[in-house]
Amino acid sequence: MKKIFQFFVVLLTTVELIGAQNYENISFYSLKSKADTIDFIKIGTEETKPTLIFCQGSLPIPLIVTEQTNYFIPAVNNFDYRKLVEKWHVVIISMPNIPVVAGKSELMDYRYCVDGKFPQKYIENNYLEKYVERGNKVVDFLKKQKWVDKKKIYIIGHSQGAHVAKEMAKENKIIAAVGYLSGNVLGRFSQYILQCRFDEQKGMLSSQEAQSNIEKNIEWWTAVCQESVSLKNGDTNRTWKSFGKENINTIAKLKQPVYVAYGTKDTGPVMCDLLPIYFELEGKTNYKLYPVVGCGHNFQEFSVDGEPDYDKMHWQDVMDEFVRWVELQ
């Protein structure tokens, strides 16, 4: 009996916003156990449809941010998710130990903090294996819902979320297709090394400066792997190590169709250019690369002086192509 009732679900069909405005077609879920509470939202109706799990990037950002009578969903705010919801459900899982809904005034640069710091429980649970564990439990829940088309459960992740998405796809054969957006196939830490070499080649660093910086980074990484250093950039050694693993072999061995999108001016993910080499070695043909030429991590263009122009992002193009391609599989 304990096993059967290990998790329970709380569903609220609508929640009232400030100013008496309701969230549009958003349902709120909690999977609760003694060890964890996994909150997630579903955007969509109760009609049976394909379902897309969207794995957001890093940082303790709530699923919904409110301001006066308005709200937005940061994870999917860069494209028209309402267009997607016309045909699919969209599921987004909260970051560990971060509120699902928070007012903009409660946040620091959209990040949820307590006394100016990331919550301790979030810091402790901010590592790849925890995200995958939580995501797998959500997949187990989705498989039992009448509103889910069991043959059309898809997953897509951006940045850190790309690593979570490919690991979940590896462990869940029910997932029908995978989207890997702006992920660093060589692991998160490699970009620090690559950036030094890129800066050297562009003349921004001398060869000696680049080499010195690389050696310092390697010294730090060695300390991380030996767990002899503390937090850096708010992340623990466990976080750095879990997201520092290379992803090429895992992605190349996935049985599901894989869609890979990345900006060609994004230092880490630009190594996605190498994936076809490994796909072909594995005999994998059900993949699509979608390089967004001249754009950065959020598929944004750059001004003539090299500054990112977030008014010119190509998220919609990336998502439209993902939907078009997946529906052909």
C-alpha atoms as a PDB file:
ATOM      1  CA  MET A   1       0.000   0.000   0.000  1.00  0.00           C
ATOM      2  CA  LYS A   2       2.846   2.386   0.734  1.00  0.00           C
ATOM      3  CA  LYS A   3       4.109   2.055  -2.810  1.00  0.00           C
ATOM      4  CA  ILE A   4       0.724   2.783  -4.357  1.00  0.00           C
ATOM      5  CA  PHE A   5       0.252   5.981  -2.377  1.00  0.00           C
ATOM      6  CA  GLN A   6       3.826   7.215  -2.467  1.00  0.00           C
ATOM      7  CA  PHE A   7       2.772  10.105  -4.690  1.00  0.00           C
ATOM      8  CA  PHE A   8      -0.423  12.063  -4.858  1.00  0.00           C
ATOM      9  CA  VAL A   9      -1.564  14.790  -7.197  1.00  0.00           C
ATOM     10  CA  VAL A  10      -3.236  18.086  -6.438  1.00  0.00           C
ATOM     11  CA  LEU A  11      -4.934  19.699  -9.421  1.00  0.00           C
ATOM     12  CA  LEU A  12      -6.252  23.242  -9.511  1.00  0.00           C
ATOM     13  CA  THR A  13      -7.980  24.061 -12.791  1.00  0.00           C
ATOM     14  CA  THR A  14      -7.565  27.821 -12.434  1.00  0.00           C
ATOM     15  CA  VAL A  15      -5.884  30.118  -9.944  1.00  0.00           C
ATOM     16  CA  GLU A  16      -6.939  33.690  -9.478  1.00  0.00           C
ATOM     17  CA  LEU A  17      -4.359  36.335 -10.324  1.00  0.00           C
ATOM     18  CA  ILE A  18      -3.915  39.790  -8.869  1.00  0.00           C
ATOM     19  CA  GLY A  19      -6.629  41.972 -10.336  1.00  0.00           C
ATOM     20  CA  ALA A  20      -9.078  39.030 -10.714  1.00  0.00           C
ATOM     21  CA  GLN A  21      -7.441  37.781 -13.926  1.00  0.00           C
ATOM     22  CA  ASN A  22      -7.127  34.012 -14.374  1.00  0.00           C
ATOM     23  CA  TYR A  23      -4.299  32.015 -15.861  1.00  0.00           C
ATOM     24  CA  GLU A  24      -5.268  30.921 -19.348  1.00  0.00           C
ATOM     25  CA  ASN A  25      -5.639  27.135 -19.771  1.00  0.00           C
ATOM     26  CA  ILE A  26      -3.033  26.407 -17.087  1.00  0.00           C
ATOM     27  CA  SER A  27      -3.382  23.505 -14.661  1.00  0.00           C
ATOM     28  CA  PHE A  28      -1.161  23.137 -11.602  1.00  0.00           C
ATOM     29  CA  TYR A  29       0.140  19.776 -10.351  1.00  0.00           C
ATOM     30  CA  SER A  30       2.186  18.573  -7.367  1.00  0.00           C
ATOM     31  CA  LEU A  31       3.676  15.115  -7.027  1.00  0.00           C
ATOM     32  CA  LYS A  32       4.449  14.754  -3.346  1.00  0.00           C
ATOM     33  CA  SER A  33       6.513  12.270  -1.382  1.00  0.00           C
ATOM     34  CA  LYS A  34       8.481  12.417   1.848  1.00  0.00           C
ATOM     35  CA  ALA A  35      11.637  13.137  -0.142  1.00  0.00           C
ATOM     36  CA  ASP A  36      10.441  15.787  -2.577  1.00  0.00           C
ATOM     37  CA  THR A  37       7.629  17.873  -3.991  1.00  0.00           C
ATOM     38  CA  ILE A  38       7.657  18.102  -7.771  1.00  0.00           C
ATOM     39  CA  ASP A  39       5.535  20.974  -9.051  1.00  0.00           C
ATOM     40  CA  PHE A  40       4.691  21.388 -12.704  1.00  0.00           C
ATOM     41  CA  ILE A  41       2.177  23.082 -14.934  1.00  0.00           C
ATOM     42  CA  LYS A  42       0.302  21.970 -18.000  1.00  0.00           C
ATOM     43  CA  ILE A  43      -0.729  24.552 -20.567  1.00  0.00           C
ATOM     44  CA  GLY A  44      -3.668  23.192 -22.549  1.00  0.00           C
ATOM     45  CA  THR A  45      -7.199  21.817 -22.320  1.00  0.00           C
ATOM     46  CA  GLU A  46      -8.399  18.377 -21.189  1.00  0.00           C
ATOM     47  CA  GLU A  47      -8.634  17.207 -24.793  1.00  0.00           C
ATOM     48  CA  THR A  48      -6.368  14.277 -25.728  1.00  0.00           C
ATOM     49  CA  LYS A  49      -3.391  15.716 -27.612  1.00  0.00           C
ATOM     50  CA  PRO A  50       0.339  15.288 -28.148  1.00  0.00           C
ATOM     51  CA  THR A  51       2.277  16.531 -25.104  1.00  0.00           C
ATOM     52  CA  LEU A  52       5.558  18.431 -25.064  1.00  0.00           C
ATOM     53  CA  ILE A  53       7.709  18.507 -21.926  1.00  0.00           C
ATOM     54  CA  PHE A  54       9.758  21.720 -22.004  1.00  0.00           C
ATOM     55  CA  CYS A  55      12.943  21.576 -19.897  1.00  0.00           C
ATOM     56  CA  GLN A  56      13.983  25.105 -18.973  1.00  0.00           C
ATOM     57  CA  GLY A  57      17.543  26.337 -18.631  1.00  0.00           C
ATOM     58  CA  SER A  58      19.481  27.093 -15.450  1.00  0.00           C
ATOM     59  CA  LEU A  59      18.840  29.453 -12.509  1.00  0.00           C
ATOM     60  CA  PRO A  60      16.065  29.479  -9.879  1.00  0.00           C
ATOM     61  CA  ILE A  61      13.360  31.136 -11.968  1.00  0.00           C
ATOM     62  CA  PRO A  62       9.677  30.495 -11.085  1.00  0.00           C
ATOM     63  CA  LEU A  63       7.399  28.987 -13.708  1.00  0.00           C
ATOM     64  CA  ILE A  64       5.068  31.993 -13.632  1.00  0.00           C
ATOM     65  CA  VAL A  65       5.990  35.602 -12.886  1.00  0.00           C
ATOM     66  CA  THR A  66       3.214  38.053 -12.060  1.00  0.00           C
ATOM     67  CA  GLU A  67       3.181  41.825 -12.241  1.00  0.00           C
ATOM     68  CA  GLN A  68       0.032  43.751 -11.373  1.00  0.00           C
ATOM     69  CA  THR A  69      -2.733  42.162 -13.515  1.00  0.00           C
ATOM     70  CA  ASN A  70      -0.371  40.437 -15.952  1.00  0.00           C
ATOM     71  CA  TYR A  71       1.733  37.303 -15.923  1.00  0.00           C
ATOM     72  CA  PHE A  72       4.227  35.540 -18.137  1.00  0.00           C
ATOM     73  CA  ILE A  73       5.901  32.137 -18.265  1.00  0.00           C
ATOM     74  CA  PRO A  74       9.679  32.745 -18.517  1.00  0.00           C
ATOM     75  CA  ALA A  75      10.590  29.301 -19.891  1.00  0.00           C
ATOM     76  CA  VAL A  76       8.411  29.722 -22.996  1.00  0.00           C
ATOM     77  CA  ASN A  77       8.080  33.496 -23.161  1.00  0.00           C
ATOM     78  CA  ASN A  78      10.420  33.872 -26.156  1.00  0.00           C
ATOM     79  CA  PHE A  79       8.032  32.207 -28.595  1.00  0.00           C
ATOM     80  CA  ASP A  80       4.281  31.975 -29.108  1.00  0.00           C
ATOM     81  CA  TYR A  81       3.475  28.993 -26.909  1.00  0.00           C
ATOM     82  CA  ARG A  82      -0.258  29.665 -27.407  1.00  0.00           C
ATOM     83  CA  LYS A  83       0.203  28.740 -31.062  1.00  0.00           C
ATOM     84  CA  LEU A  84       1.808  25.481 -29.944  1.00  0.00           C
ATOM     85  CA  VAL A  85      -0.993  24.795 -27.467  1.00  0.00           C
ATOM     86  CA  GLU A  86      -3.550  24.861 -30.274  1.00  0.00           C
ATOM     87  CA  LYS A  87      -2.293  21.379 -31.212  1.00  0.00           C
ATOM     88  CA  TRP A  88      -0.243  20.181 -28.218  1.00  0.00           C
ATOM     89  CA  HIS A  89      -0.176  20.330 -24.433  1.00  0.00           C
ATOM     90  CA  VAL A  90       2.930  21.940 -22.936  1.00  0.00           C
ATOM     91  CA  VAL A  91       4.278  20.705 -19.595  1.00  0.00           C
ATOM     92  CA  ILE A  92       6.954  22.609 -17.643  1.00  0.00           C
ATOM     93  CA  ILE A  93       8.507  21.317 -14.418  1.00  0.00           C
ATOM     94  CA  SER A  94       9.524  23.747 -11.683  1.00  0.00           C
ATOM     95  CA  MET A  95      13.101  24.143 -10.521  1.00  0.00           C
ATOM     96  CA  PRO A  96      13.766  22.255  -7.253  1.00  0.00           C
ATOM     97  CA  ASN A  97      12.476  24.073  -4.161  1.00  0.00           C
ATOM     98  CA  ILE A  98      11.479  27.194  -6.109  1.00  0.00           C
ATOM     99  CA  PRO A  99       7.906  28.596  -5.973  1.00  0.00           C
ATOM    100  CA  VAL A 100       5.756  27.943  -9.021  1.00  0.00           C
ATOM    101  CA  VAL A 101       4.374  31.491  -8.974  1.00  0.00           C
ATOM    102  CA  ALA A 102       6.153  34.627  -7.769  1.00  0.00           C
ATOM    103  CA  GLY A 103       5.640  38.353  -8.177  1.00  0.00           C
ATOM    104  CA  LYS A 104       8.243  40.224 -10.174  1.00  0.00           C
ATOM    105  CA  SER A 105       8.922  42.431  -7.139  1.00  0.00           C
ATOM    106  CA  GLU A 106       9.979  39.320  -5.170  1.00  0.00           C
ATOM    107  CA  LEU A 107      12.719  38.431  -7.647  1.00  0.00           C
ATOM    108  CA  MET A 108      16.266  39.608  -8.297  1.00  0.00           C
ATOM    109  CA  ASP A 109      16.731  39.756 -12.060  1.00  0.00           C
ATOM    110  CA  TYR A 110      13.884  37.216 -12.295  1.00  0.00           C
ATOM    111  CA  ARG A 111      15.708  34.846  -9.926  1.00  0.00           C
ATOM    112  CA  TYR A 112      14.120  33.707  -6.696  1.00  0.00           C
ATOM    113  CA  CYS A 113      16.328  34.531  -3.713  1.00  0.00           C
ATOM    114  CA  VAL A 114      16.072  34.434   0.060  1.00  0.00           C
ATOM    115  CA  ASP A 115      18.005  37.181   1.836  1.00  0.00           C
ATOM    116  CA  GLY A 116      19.809  37.920  -1.412  1.00  0.00           C
ATOM    117  CA  LYS A 117      20.921  34.308  -1.974  1.00  0.00           C
ATOM    118  CA  PHE A 118      19.624  31.319  -3.890  1.00  0.00           C
ATOM    119  CA  PRO A 119      17.639  29.038  -1.512  1.00  0.00           C
ATOM    120  CA  GLN A 120      19.884  26.441   0.106  1.00  0.00           C
ATOM    121  CA  LYS A 121      17.622  23.525  -0.833  1.00  0.00           C
ATOM    122  CA  TYR A 122      17.699  24.623  -4.456  1.00  0.00           C
ATOM    123  CA  ILE A 123      21.505  24.760  -4.384  1.00  0.00           C
ATOM    124  CA  GLU A 124      21.675  21.241  -2.911  1.00  0.00           C
ATOM    125  CA  ASN A 125      19.299  19.812  -5.548  1.00  0.00           C
ATOM    126  CA  ASN A 126      20.632  21.685  -8.555  1.00  0.00           C
ATOM    127  CA  TYR A 127      22.364  18.851 -10.396  1.00  0.00           C
ATOM    128  CA  LEU A 128      21.630  16.776 -13.488  1.00  0.00           C
ATOM    129  CA  GLU A 129      20.643  13.501 -11.856  1.00  0.00           C
ATOM    130  CA  LYS A 130      18.078  15.239  -9.635  1.00  0.00           C
ATOM    131  CA  TYR A 131      16.440  16.961 -12.619  1.00  0.00           C
ATOM    132  CA  VAL A 132      16.271  13.657 -14.476  1.00  0.00           C
ATOM    133  CA  GLU A 133      14.831  11.847 -11.442  1.00  0.00           C
ATOM    134  CA  ARG A 134      12.138  14.503 -11.033  1.00  0.00           C
ATOM    135  CA  GLY A 135      11.411  14.563 -14.763  1.00  0.00           C
ATOM    136  CA  ASN A 136      11.022  10.781 -14.920  1.00  0.00           C
ATOM    137  CA  LYS A 137       8.363  10.908 -12.214  1.00  0.00           C
ATOM    138  CA  VAL A 138       6.449  13.475 -14.242  1.00  0.00           C
ATOM    139  CA  VAL A 139       6.675  11.210 -17.311  1.00  0.00           C
ATOM    140  CA  ASP A 140       5.304   8.323 -15.221  1.00  0.00           C
ATOM    141  CA  PHE A 141       2.370  10.554 -14.267  1.00  0.00           C
ATOM    142  CA  LEU A 142       1.724  11.730 -17.825  1.00  0.00           C
ATOM    143  CA  LYS A 143       1.557   8.160 -19.143  1.00  0.00           C
ATOM    144  CA  LYS A 144      -1.571   7.626 -17.022  1.00  0.00           C
ATOM    145  CA  GLN A 145      -3.512  10.718 -18.075  1.00  0.00           C
ATOM    146  CA  LYS A 146      -6.439  10.589 -20.496  1.00  0.00           C
ATOM    147  CA  TRP A 147      -5.474  13.938 -22.010  1.00  0.00           C
ATOM    148  CA  VAL A 148      -2.067  12.609 -23.109  1.00  0.00           C
ATOM    149  CA  ASP A 149      -1.649  10.910 -26.494  1.00  0.00           C
ATOM    150  CA  LYS A 150       0.711   8.151 -25.316  1.00  0.00           C
ATOM    151  CA  LYS A 151       2.317   7.789 -28.761  1.00  0.00           C
ATOM    152  CA  LYS A 152       3.153  11.473 -28.960  1.00  0.00           C
ATOM    153  CA  ILE A 153       5.013  12.514 -25.820  1.00  0.00           C
ATOM    154  CA  TYR A 154       7.878  14.777 -26.874  1.00  0.00           C
ATOM    155  CA  ILE A 155      10.625  16.498 -24.888  1.00  0.00           C
ATOM    156  CA  ILE A 156      12.676  19.579 -25.652  1.00  0.00           C
ATOM    157  CA  GLY A 157      15.235  21.417 -23.534  1.00  0.00           C
ATOM    158  CA  HIS A 158      17.200  24.632 -23.829  1.00  0.00           C
ATOM    159  CA  SER A 159      20.748  25.135 -22.511  1.00  0.00           C
ATOM    160  CA  GLN A 160      20.956  23.230 -19.201  1.00  0.00           C
ATOM    161  CA  GLY A 161      17.545  21.813 -20.020  1.00  0.00           C
ATOM    162  CA  ALA A 162      18.945  20.247 -23.202  1.00  0.00           C
ATOM    163  CA  HIS A 163      21.122  17.968 -21.048  1.00  0.00           C
ATOM    164  CA  VAL A 164      18.111  17.024 -18.928  1.00  0.00           C
ATOM    165  CA  ALA A 165      15.985  16.310 -22.017  1.00  0.00           C
ATOM    166  CA  LYS A 166      18.466  13.925 -23.644  1.00  0.00           C
ATOM    167  CA  GLU A 167      18.994  12.017 -20.363  1.00  0.00           C
ATOM    168  CA  MET A 168      15.243  11.662 -19.841  1.00  0.00           C
ATOM    169  CA  ALA A 169      14.841  10.439 -23.427  1.00  0.00           C
ATOM    170  CA  LYS A 170      17.548   7.842 -22.817  1.00  0.00           C
ATOM    171  CA  GLU A 171      15.623   6.466 -19.835  1.00  0.00           C
ATOM    172  CA  ASN A 172      12.073   6.782 -21.225  1.00  0.00           C
ATOM    173  CA  LYS A 173      11.405   4.924 -24.454  1.00  0.00           C
ATOM    174  CA  ILE A 174       7.866   6.318 -24.475  1.00  0.00           C
ATOM    175  CA  ILE A 175       9.309   9.717 -25.424  1.00  0.00           C
ATOM    176  CA  ALA A 176       8.759   9.918 -29.180  1.00  0.00           C
ATOM    177  CA  ALA A 177      11.200  12.689 -30.150  1.00  0.00           C
ATOM    178  CA  VAL A 178      13.838  14.908 -28.536  1.00  0.00           C
ATOM    179  CA  GLY A 179      14.727  18.581 -28.998  1.00  0.00           C
ATOM    180  CA  TYR A 180      18.244  19.609 -27.954  1.00  0.00           C
ATOM    181  CA  LEU A 181      18.533  23.418 -28.028  1.00  0.00           C
ATOM    182  CA  SER A 182      21.713  25.407 -27.311  1.00  0.00           C
ATOM    183  CA  GLY A 183      23.281  22.502 -25.454  1.00  0.00           C
ATOM    184  CA  ASN A 184      27.030  22.104 -25.130  1.00  0.00           C
ATOM    185  CA  VAL A 185      27.752  18.580 -26.367  1.00  0.00           C
ATOM    186  CA  LEU A 186      31.195  18.662 -24.717  1.00  0.00           C
ATOM    187  CA  GLY A 187      29.764  19.538 -21.294  1.00  0.00           C
ATOM    188  CA  ARG A 188      29.233  22.900 -19.667  1.00  0.00           C
ATOM    189  CA  PHE A 189      32.794  23.478 -18.492  1.00  0.00           C
ATOM    190  CA  SER A 190      34.406  23.045 -21.920  1.00  0.00           C
ATOM    191  CA  GLN A 191      33.199  26.480 -23.016  1.00  0.00           C
ATOM    192  CA  TYR A 192      35.630  28.140 -20.612  1.00  0.00           C
ATOM    193  CA  ILE A 193      38.517  26.448 -22.399  1.00  0.00           C
ATOM    194  CA  LEU A 194      37.088  27.033 -25.861  1.00  0.00           C
ATOM    195  CA  GLN A 195      36.475  30.717 -25.151  1.00  0.00           C
ATOM    196  CA  CYS A 196      40.154  31.222 -24.338  1.00  0.00           C
ATOM    197  CA  ARG A 197      41.167  29.770 -27.697  1.00  0.00           C
ATOM    198  CA  PHE A 198      38.507  31.723 -29.582  1.00  0.00           C
ATOM    199  CA  ASP A 199      39.680  34.952 -27.911  1.00  0.00           C
ATOM    200  CA  GLU A 200      43.247  34.090 -28.849  1.00  0.00           C
ATOM    201  CA  GLN A 201      42.291  33.527 -32.480  1.00  0.00           C
ATOM    202  CA  LYS A 202      40.392  36.826 -32.572  1.00  0.00           C
ATOM    203  CA  GLY A 203      43.374  38.668 -31.127  1.00  0.00           C
ATOM    204  CA  MET A 204      41.569  39.525 -27.883  1.00  0.00           C
ATOM    205  CA  LEU A 205      44.138  37.556 -25.876  1.00  0.00           C
ATOM    206  CA  SER A 206      47.778  36.875 -26.571  1.00  0.00           C
ATOM    207  CA  SER A 207      48.731  33.221 -27.009  1.00  0.00           C
ATOM    208  CA  GLN A 208      50.456  33.279 -23.620  1.00  0.00           C
ATOM    209  CA  GLU A 209      47.428  34.861 -21.906  1.00  0.00           C
ATOM    210  CA  ALA A 210      45.109  32.283 -23.455  1.00  0.00           C
ATOM    211  CA  GLN A 211      47.342  29.413 -22.356  1.00  0.00           C
ATOM    212  CA  SER A 212      47.643  30.833 -18.845  1.00  0.00           C
ATOM    213  CA  ASN A 213      43.855  31.190 -18.567  1.00  0.00           C
ATOM    214  CA  ILE A 214      43.327  27.647 -19.798  1.00  0.00           C
ATOM    215  CA  GLU A 215      45.748  26.278 -17.221  1.00  0.00           C
ATOM    216  CA  LYS A 216      43.987  28.196 -14.434  1.00  0.00           C
ATOM    217  CA  ASN A 217      40.639  26.805 -15.549  1.00  0.00           C
ATOM    218  CA  ILE A 218      42.001  23.275 -15.616  1.00  0.00           C
ATOM    219  CA  GLU A 219      43.412  23.729 -12.110  1.00  0.00           C
ATOM    220  CA  TRP A 220      39.981  24.838 -10.928  1.00  0.00           C
ATOM    221  CA  TRP A 221      38.278  21.930 -12.689  1.00  0.00           C
ATOM    222  CA  THR A 222      40.709  19.469 -11.092  1.00  0.00           C
ATOM    223  CA  ALA A 223      39.783  20.889  -7.698  1.00  0.00           C
ATOM    224  CA  VAL A 224      36.074  20.538  -8.537  1.00  0.00           C
ATOM    225  CA  CYS A 225      36.486  16.874  -9.437  1.00  0.00           C
ATOM    226  CA  GLN A 226      38.427  16.301  -6.221  1.00  0.00           C
ATOM    227  CA  GLU A 227      35.726  18.244  -4.369  1.00  0.00           C
ATOM    228  CA  SER A 228      38.307  20.467  -2.721  1.00  0.00           C
ATOM    229  CA  VAL A 229      36.708  23.816  -3.664  1.00  0.00           C
ATOM    230  CA  SER A 230      33.441  25.451  -2.674  1.00  0.00           C
ATOM    231  CA  LEU A 231      30.768  27.262  -4.650  1.00  0.00           C
ATOM    232  CA  LYS A 232      31.576  29.087  -7.879  1.00  0.00           C
ATOM    233  CA  ASN A 233      28.878  31.119  -9.653  1.00  0.00           C
ATOM    234  CA  GLY A 234      26.338  29.762  -7.140  1.00  0.00           C
ATOM    235  CA  ASP A 235      26.857  26.124  -8.176  1.00  0.00           C
ATOM    236  CA  THR A 236      28.245  23.257  -6.124  1.00  0.00           C
ATOM    237  CA  ASN A 237      30.937  20.806  -7.230  1.00  0.00           C
ATOM    238  CA  ARG A 238      28.161  18.276  -7.743  1.00  0.00           C
ATOM    239  CA  THR A 239      26.390  20.660 -10.131  1.00  0.00           C
ATOM    240  CA  TRP A 240      29.543  21.397 -12.135  1.00  0.00           C
ATOM    241  CA  LYS A 241      30.503  17.722 -12.397  1.00  0.00           C
ATOM    242  CA  SER A 242      27.043  16.542 -13.410  1.00  0.00           C
ATOM    243  CA  PHE A 243      26.726  19.093 -16.211  1.00  0.00           C
ATOM    244  CA  GLY A 244      30.402  18.798 -17.145  1.00  0.00           C
ATOM    245  CA  LYS A 245      30.049  15.401 -18.805  1.00  0.00           C
ATOM    246  CA  GLU A 246      30.182  15.146 -22.586  1.00  0.00           C
ATOM    247  CA  ASN A 247      26.884  14.418 -24.316  1.00  0.00           C
ATOM    248  CA  ILE A 248      27.927  13.338 -27.803  1.00  0.00           C
ATOM    249  CA  ASN A 249      27.748   9.588 -27.252  1.00  0.00           C
ATOM    250  CA  THR A 250      24.442   9.712 -25.382  1.00  0.00           C
ATOM    251  CA  ILE A 251      22.793  11.821 -28.089  1.00  0.00           C
ATOM    252  CA  ALA A 252      24.214   9.727 -30.924  1.00  0.00           C
ATOM    253  CA  LYS A 253      22.900   6.524 -29.346  1.00  0.00           C
ATOM    254  CA  LEU A 254      19.339   7.768 -28.753  1.00  0.00           C
ATOM    255  CA  LYS A 255      16.803   5.694 -30.677  1.00  0.00           C
ATOM    256  CA  GLN A 256      14.323   8.574 -30.872  1.00  0.00           C
ATOM    257  CA  PRO A 257      14.441  11.234 -33.591  1.00  0.00           C
ATOM    258  CA  VAL A 258      16.671  14.104 -32.413  1.00  0.00           C
ATOM    259  CA  TYR A 259      16.318  17.774 -33.370  1.00  0.00           C
ATOM    260  CA  VAL A 260      19.357  19.950 -32.614  1.00  0.00           C
ATOM    261  CA  ALA A 261      19.179  23.763 -32.817  1.00  0.00           C
ATOM    262  CA  TYR A 262      21.924  26.201 -31.858  1.00  0.00           C
ATOM    263  CA  GLY A 263      23.264  29.662 -32.619  1.00  0.00           C
ATOM    264  CA  THR A 264      26.493  29.543 -34.604  1.00  0.00           C
ATOM    265  CA  LYS A 265      27.943  32.400 -32.536  1.00  0.00           C
ATOM    266  CA  ASP A 266      27.324  30.595 -29.243  1.00  0.00           C
ATOM    267  CA  THR A 267      30.689  29.375 -27.914  1.00  0.00           C
ATOM    268  CA  GLY A 268      29.729  26.014 -26.386  1.00  0.00           C
ATOM    269  CA  PRO A 269      26.831  24.783 -28.520  1.00  0.00           C
ATOM    270  CA  VAL A 270      28.647  25.582 -31.753  1.00  0.00           C
ATOM    271  CA  MET A 271      30.297  22.186 -31.244  1.00  0.00           C
ATOM    272  CA  CYS A 272      26.933  20.725 -32.250  1.00  0.00           C
ATOM    273  CA  ASP A 273      28.427  21.068 -35.743  1.00  0.00           C
ATOM    274  CA  LEU A 274      30.292  17.850 -34.907  1.00  0.00           C
ATOM    275  CA  LEU A 275      27.205  15.746 -34.162  1.00  0.00           C
ATOM    276  CA  PRO A 276      26.588  14.457 -37.714  1.00  0.00           C
ATOM    277  CA  ILE A 277      30.020  12.787 -37.588  1.00  0.00           C
ATOM    278  CA  TYR A 278      28.912  10.697 -34.601  1.00  0.00           C
ATOM    279  CA  PHE A 279      25.332  10.218 -35.799  1.00  0.00           C
ATOM    280  CA  GLU A 280      26.586   8.725 -39.045  1.00  0.00           C
ATOM    281  CA  LEU A 281      29.111   6.527 -37.235  1.00  0.00           C
ATOM    282  CA  GLU A 282      26.208   5.110 -35.208  1.00  0.00           C
ATOM    283  CA  GLY A 283      24.062   4.718 -38.322  1.00  0.00           C
ATOM    284  CA  LYS A 284      21.611   7.280 -36.945  1.00  0.00           C
ATOM    285  CA  THR A 285      19.599   8.944 -39.707  1.00  0.00           C
ATOM    286  CA  ASN A 286      16.553  10.252 -37.808  1.00  0.00           C
ATOM    287  CA  TYR A 287      18.041  13.610 -36.868  1.00  0.00           C
ATOM    288  CA  LYS A 288      17.914  17.218 -37.960  1.00  0.00           C
ATOM    289  CA  LEU A 289      20.424  20.002 -37.316  1.00  0.00           C
ATOM    290  CA  TYR A 290      19.049  23.538 -37.337  1.00  0.00           C
ATOM    291  CA  PRO A 291      21.993  25.960 -37.010  1.00  0.00           C
ATOM    292  CA  VAL A 292      20.736  29.527 -36.542  1.00  0.00           C
ATOM    293  CA  VAL A 293      23.456  31.309 -38.484  1.00  0.00           C
ATOM    294  CA  GLY A 294      25.063  34.344 -36.872  1.00  0.00           C
ATOM    295  CA  CYS A 295      23.004  34.108 -33.683  1.00  0.00           C
ATOM    296  CA  GLY A 296      23.732  33.505 -30.002  1.00  0.00           C
ATOM    297  CA  HIS A 297      22.562  31.373 -27.091  1.00  0.00           C
ATOM    298  CA  ASN A 298      18.952  32.596 -27.230  1.00  0.00           C
ATOM    299  CA  PHE A 299      18.962  32.612 -31.026  1.00  0.00           C
ATOM    300  CA  GLN A 300      19.410  36.374 -30.930  1.00  0.00           C
ATOM    301  CA  GLU A 301      21.084  38.432 -33.628  1.00  0.00           C
ATOM    302  CA  PHE A 302      23.964  40.822 -32.903  1.00  0.00           C
ATOM    303  CA  SER A 303      24.329  44.506 -33.672  1.00  0.00           C
ATOM    304  CA  VAL A 304      27.155  45.851 -35.842  1.00  0.00           C
ATOM    305  CA  ASP A 305      29.212  46.493 -32.704  1.00  0.00           C
ATOM    306  CA  GLY A 306      28.757  42.899 -31.539  1.00  0.00           C
ATOM    307  CA  GLU A 307      26.128  43.484 -28.860  1.00  0.00           C
ATOM    308  CA  PRO A 308      23.271  40.944 -28.566  1.00  0.00           C
ATOM    309  CA  ASP A 309      19.997  42.271 -29.977  1.00  0.00           C
ATOM    310  CA  TYR A 310      17.219  40.597 -27.992  1.00  0.00           C
ATOM    311  CA  ASP A 311      14.596  42.358 -30.085  1.00  0.00           C
ATOM    312  CA  LYS A 312      15.702  40.117 -32.933  1.00  0.00           C
ATOM    313  CA  MET A 313      15.460  36.565 -31.644  1.00  0.00           C
ATOM    314  CA  HIS A 314      14.658  33.511 -33.756  1.00  0.00           C
ATOM    315  CA  TRP A 315      13.027  31.354 -31.101  1.00  0.00           C
ATOM    316  CA  GLN A 316       9.809  31.191 -33.102  1.00  0.00           C
ATOM    317  CA  ASP A 317      11.634  29.886 -36.156  1.00  0.00           C
ATOM    318  CA  VAL A 318      13.358  27.228 -34.022  1.00  0.00           C
ATOM    319  CA  MET A 319      10.093  26.044 -32.456  1.00  0.00           C
ATOM    320  CA  ASP A 320       8.108  26.165 -35.707  1.00  0.00           C
ATOM    321  CA  GLU A 321      10.726  23.996 -37.408  1.00  0.00           C
ATOM    322  CA  PHE A 322      10.756  21.568 -34.459  1.00  0.00           C
ATOM    323  CA  VAL A 323       6.973  21.114 -34.681  1.00  0.00           C
ATOM    324  CA  ARG A 324       7.033  20.767 -38.474  1.00  0.00           C
ATOM    325  CA  TRP A 325       9.861  18.218 -38.353  1.00  0.00           C
ATOM    326  CA  VAL A 326       8.459  16.163 -35.473  1.00  0.00           C
ATOM    327  CA  GLU A 327       5.084  15.837 -37.170  1.00  0.00           C
ATOM    328  CA  LEU A 328       6.840  14.289 -40.191  1.00  0.00           C
ATOM    329  CA  GLN A 329       8.457  11.561 -38.098  1.00  0.00           C
END
